[in-house]
């Protein structure tokens, strides 16, 4: 697991603004800060990918360079994931894209809820690099369900899961259920409240980005 917060960086500034109830009133800035964290996480992930050498011609001669070896697919959980997706797309600008409509449904018991999924679209994932993202990794259930739903489109060569904020419970859940996936987070908070929102967290990322449902 990789955390941007492991060492001081501009990511800390973005995370601070995302949490701040006063700065959150500016929806455009809220979305942009999520987008910028997406750009930072995408860059860090890019360091772990495989590249092939090639020669390109510049106006003044030939130059050795590198290009990505495997195609990248960016998978996004709607709607909260859209700003984070844009950040990744700014870096992986030639990536194919997958979109999943997943959300918390009705409560099963006092301490459980069902994850509903009513929309999914994806290119063929066989042998590609899948990056699956959602700004908040709370319980991890939506992410796990989205991942397994995407496998009907083929088995990726590798899968990276990215989020702005995670909970310790969500991280533990994904490590146990889908240990083959690599986790990339802005930071991790300790708790979840009774409604399964991350504490201290930042609130509902979808509502703060696009307005209340």
Protein backbone atom coordinates (compact mmCIF):
# COMPACT_ATOMS: atom_id res chain seq x y z
CA UNK A 1 0.00 0.00 0.00
CA UNK A 2 1.24 3.48 -0.90
CA UNK A 3 0.20 6.63 1.00
CA UNK A 4 0.85 10.16 -0.24
CA UNK A 5 0.80 11.26 3.41
CA UNK A 6 3.80 9.10 4.30
CA UNK A 7 6.02 12.10 3.67
CA UNK A 8 5.25 15.84 3.62
CA UNK A 9 4.22 17.16 0.20
CA UNK A 10 1.75 19.47 -1.53
CA UNK A 11 -0.74 16.59 -1.23
CA UNK A 12 -1.08 17.47 2.47
CA UNK A 13 -2.21 20.97 1.48
CA UNK A 14 -4.83 19.58 -0.91
CA UNK A 15 -6.08 17.11 1.71
CA UNK A 16 -6.32 19.87 4.31
CA UNK A 17 -8.49 21.97 1.99
CA UNK A 18 -10.67 18.98 1.14
CA UNK A 19 -11.47 18.45 4.83
CA UNK A 20 -12.00 22.14 5.67
CA UNK A 21 -15.74 22.87 5.99
CA UNK A 22 -15.15 26.47 4.90
CA UNK A 23 -13.16 25.66 1.77
CA UNK A 24 -15.68 22.91 0.92
CA UNK A 25 -18.25 25.60 0.14
CA UNK A 26 -16.36 26.22 -3.10
CA UNK A 27 -17.40 23.19 -5.17
CA UNK A 28 -15.01 24.00 -7.98
CA UNK A 29 -12.04 24.06 -5.61
CA UNK A 30 -13.22 20.86 -3.93
CA UNK A 31 -13.38 19.05 -7.28
CA UNK A 32 -10.03 20.49 -8.35
CA UNK A 33 -8.29 19.34 -5.17
CA UNK A 34 -9.56 15.79 -5.72
CA UNK A 35 -8.41 16.04 -9.33
CA UNK A 36 -4.93 17.16 -8.24
CA UNK A 37 -4.61 14.29 -5.79
CA UNK A 38 -5.60 12.01 -8.67
CA UNK A 39 -2.77 13.46 -10.74
CA UNK A 40 -0.27 12.81 -7.94
CA UNK A 41 -1.46 9.23 -7.39
CA UNK A 42 -1.41 8.57 -11.15
CA UNK A 43 2.19 9.78 -11.35
CA UNK A 44 3.23 7.52 -8.46
CA UNK A 45 1.50 4.53 -10.06
CA UNK A 46 3.23 5.30 -13.36
CA UNK A 47 6.60 4.67 -11.71
CA UNK A 48 5.66 1.01 -11.17
CA UNK A 49 4.45 0.24 -14.72
CA UNK A 50 6.41 -1.45 -17.49
CA UNK A 51 7.76 0.45 -20.48
CA UNK A 52 9.26 -0.41 -23.83
CA UNK A 53 12.17 1.39 -25.41
CA UNK A 54 11.73 3.11 -28.72
CA UNK A 55 13.45 5.68 -30.89
CA UNK A 56 11.63 8.87 -31.84
CA UNK A 57 12.61 11.49 -34.35
CA UNK A 58 12.83 15.10 -33.17
CA UNK A 59 13.37 18.10 -35.50
CA UNK A 60 17.11 17.87 -34.77
CA UNK A 61 17.77 14.15 -34.62
CA UNK A 62 16.87 10.79 -33.08
CA UNK A 63 16.24 10.16 -29.39
CA UNK A 64 15.84 7.05 -27.27
CA UNK A 65 12.65 7.12 -25.21
CA UNK A 66 10.11 4.95 -23.37
CA UNK A 67 6.42 4.24 -23.91
CA UNK A 68 3.96 2.31 -21.78
CA UNK A 69 4.10 -1.40 -22.50
CA UNK A 70 0.51 -2.28 -21.58
CA UNK A 71 -2.65 -0.23 -22.24
CA UNK A 72 -4.23 1.43 -19.21
CA UNK A 73 -7.95 1.33 -18.37
CA UNK A 74 -9.30 3.81 -15.83
CA UNK A 75 -12.30 2.43 -13.94
CA UNK A 76 -14.46 4.94 -12.07
CA UNK A 77 -17.32 4.51 -9.61
CA UNK A 78 -20.01 7.10 -10.39
CA UNK A 79 -20.69 9.85 -9.48
CA UNK A 80 -18.23 10.79 -6.76
CA UNK A 81 -15.33 9.30 -8.70
CA UNK A 82 -15.54 11.73 -11.63
CA UNK A 83 -13.12 14.42 -10.34
CA UNK A 84 -10.59 11.76 -9.32
CA UNK A 85 -11.01 10.13 -12.72
CA UNK A 86 -10.25 13.45 -14.43
CA UNK A 87 -6.99 13.71 -12.49
CA UNK A 88 -5.94 10.26 -13.65
CA UNK A 89 -7.03 11.02 -17.20
CA UNK A 90 -4.85 14.14 -17.20
CA UNK A 91 -1.86 11.82 -16.69
CA UNK A 92 -2.94 8.72 -18.63
CA UNK A 93 -4.48 10.77 -21.44
CA UNK A 94 -4.71 7.89 -23.91
CA UNK A 95 -6.35 5.46 -21.48
CA UNK A 96 -9.55 3.58 -22.17
CA UNK A 97 -12.25 4.02 -19.56
CA UNK A 98 -14.74 1.96 -17.58
CA UNK A 99 -17.66 3.35 -15.55
CA UNK A 100 -19.60 1.67 -12.75
CA UNK A 101 -22.80 2.89 -11.11
CA UNK A 102 -22.52 1.52 -7.56
CA UNK A 103 -24.11 2.92 -4.40
CA UNK A 104 -25.24 2.02 -0.91
CA UNK A 105 -28.69 0.48 -0.95
CA UNK A 106 -31.07 -0.52 1.82
CA UNK A 107 -29.91 -1.69 5.22
CA UNK A 108 -29.90 -5.45 5.75
CA UNK A 109 -29.37 -5.24 9.49
CA UNK A 110 -28.54 -2.46 11.91
CA UNK A 111 -24.85 -2.85 11.14
CA UNK A 112 -24.93 -3.77 7.43
CA UNK A 113 -26.03 -2.38 4.07
CA UNK A 114 -26.34 -3.75 0.56
CA UNK A 115 -24.21 -2.41 -2.31
CA UNK A 116 -26.42 -1.79 -5.34
CA UNK A 117 -25.04 -1.74 -8.88
CA UNK A 118 -27.19 -0.73 -11.85
CA UNK A 119 -24.74 0.34 -14.57
CA UNK A 120 -21.41 -0.85 -15.90
CA UNK A 121 -19.51 -0.35 -19.13
CA UNK A 122 -15.94 -1.31 -19.93
CA UNK A 123 -13.57 -2.16 -22.77
CA UNK A 124 -11.84 -5.53 -22.89
CA UNK A 125 -9.54 -5.71 -19.85
CA UNK A 126 -7.56 -8.79 -20.86
CA UNK A 127 -3.85 -8.28 -20.23
CA UNK A 128 -4.24 -4.55 -19.52
CA UNK A 129 -3.45 -2.38 -16.50
CA UNK A 130 -6.68 -1.58 -14.63
CA UNK A 131 -6.77 1.41 -12.27
CA UNK A 132 -10.03 1.38 -10.28
CA UNK A 133 -10.83 4.52 -8.31
CA UNK A 134 -13.27 6.08 -5.87
CA UNK A 135 -12.42 9.09 -3.66
CA UNK A 136 -13.58 7.38 -0.44
CA UNK A 137 -12.61 3.86 0.61
CA UNK A 138 -14.89 3.39 3.63
CA UNK A 139 -15.93 -0.25 4.14
CA UNK A 140 -14.37 -1.44 0.87
CA UNK A 141 -17.52 -3.30 -0.18
CA UNK A 142 -18.37 -1.10 -3.17
CA UNK A 143 -14.81 -1.33 -4.46
CA UNK A 144 -14.70 -5.11 -4.12
CA UNK A 145 -18.04 -5.52 -5.87
CA UNK A 146 -17.00 -3.17 -8.69
CA UNK A 147 -13.73 -5.06 -9.17
CA UNK A 148 -15.40 -8.45 -9.48
CA UNK A 149 -18.08 -7.04 -11.77
CA UNK A 150 -15.39 -5.72 -14.11
CA UNK A 151 -13.76 -9.14 -14.42
CA UNK A 152 -16.54 -10.20 -16.78
CA UNK A 153 -14.72 -8.00 -19.32
CA UNK A 154 -11.47 -9.96 -18.99
CA UNK A 155 -8.63 -10.50 -16.54
CA UNK A 156 -6.26 -7.52 -16.21
CA UNK A 157 -2.52 -8.10 -16.07
CA UNK A 158 -2.53 -6.02 -12.88
CA UNK A 159 -5.01 -3.93 -10.91
CA UNK A 160 -4.41 -0.78 -8.90
CA UNK A 161 -7.04 0.66 -6.55
CA UNK A 162 -6.86 4.37 -5.80
CA UNK A 163 -8.68 6.60 -3.31
CA UNK A 164 -8.20 9.99 -1.74
CA UNK A 165 -9.16 8.81 1.75
CA UNK A 166 -9.39 5.31 3.18
CA UNK A 167 -10.39 3.86 6.52
CA UNK A 168 -8.37 1.25 8.36
CA UNK A 169 -11.38 -1.08 8.14
CA UNK A 170 -11.70 -0.61 4.37
CA UNK A 171 -8.00 -1.20 3.80
CA UNK A 172 -8.10 -4.39 5.90
CA UNK A 173 -11.20 -5.60 4.03
CA UNK A 174 -9.64 -5.19 0.58
CA UNK A 175 -6.34 -6.73 1.63
CA UNK A 176 -8.23 -9.80 2.78
CA UNK A 177 -10.70 -10.04 -0.13
CA UNK A 178 -8.60 -8.96 -3.13
CA UNK A 179 -4.95 -9.13 -2.04
CA UNK A 180 -3.79 -9.21 -5.67
CA UNK A 181 -4.72 -5.53 -6.08
CA UNK A 182 -2.30 -2.72 -5.22
CA UNK A 183 -3.66 0.08 -2.98
CA UNK A 184 -2.83 3.76 -3.54
CA UNK A 185 -4.27 6.30 -1.09
CA UNK A 186 -3.90 9.93 -0.14
CA UNK A 187 -4.14 9.02 3.53
CA UNK A 188 -5.90 6.64 5.96
CA UNK A 189 -8.24 7.62 8.80
CA UNK A 190 -8.94 5.33 11.72
CA UNK A 191 -12.69 5.28 12.15
CA UNK A 192 -16.12 4.82 10.59
CA UNK A 193 -19.28 6.25 12.13
CA UNK A 194 -22.63 4.48 12.43
CA UNK A 195 -23.52 5.44 8.85
CA UNK A 196 -20.20 4.00 7.59
CA UNK A 197 -18.69 7.37 6.71
CA UNK A 198 -14.98 7.86 7.33
CA UNK A 199 -14.12 9.83 10.48
CA UNK A 200 -12.80 12.50 10.48
CA UNK A 201 -12.98 12.08 6.69
CA UNK A 202 -14.41 14.94 4.68
CA UNK A 203 -18.12 14.20 4.31
CA UNK A 204 -19.93 13.00 1.19
CA UNK A 205 -17.55 13.54 -1.74
CA UNK A 206 -20.32 13.20 -4.32
CA UNK A 207 -22.57 15.79 -2.69
CA UNK A 208 -19.67 18.19 -2.13
CA UNK A 209 -18.63 17.88 -5.76
CA UNK A 210 -22.00 17.99 -7.50
CA UNK A 211 -24.72 18.95 -5.00
CA UNK A 212 -26.96 16.99 -2.67
CA UNK A 213 -28.90 14.05 -4.08
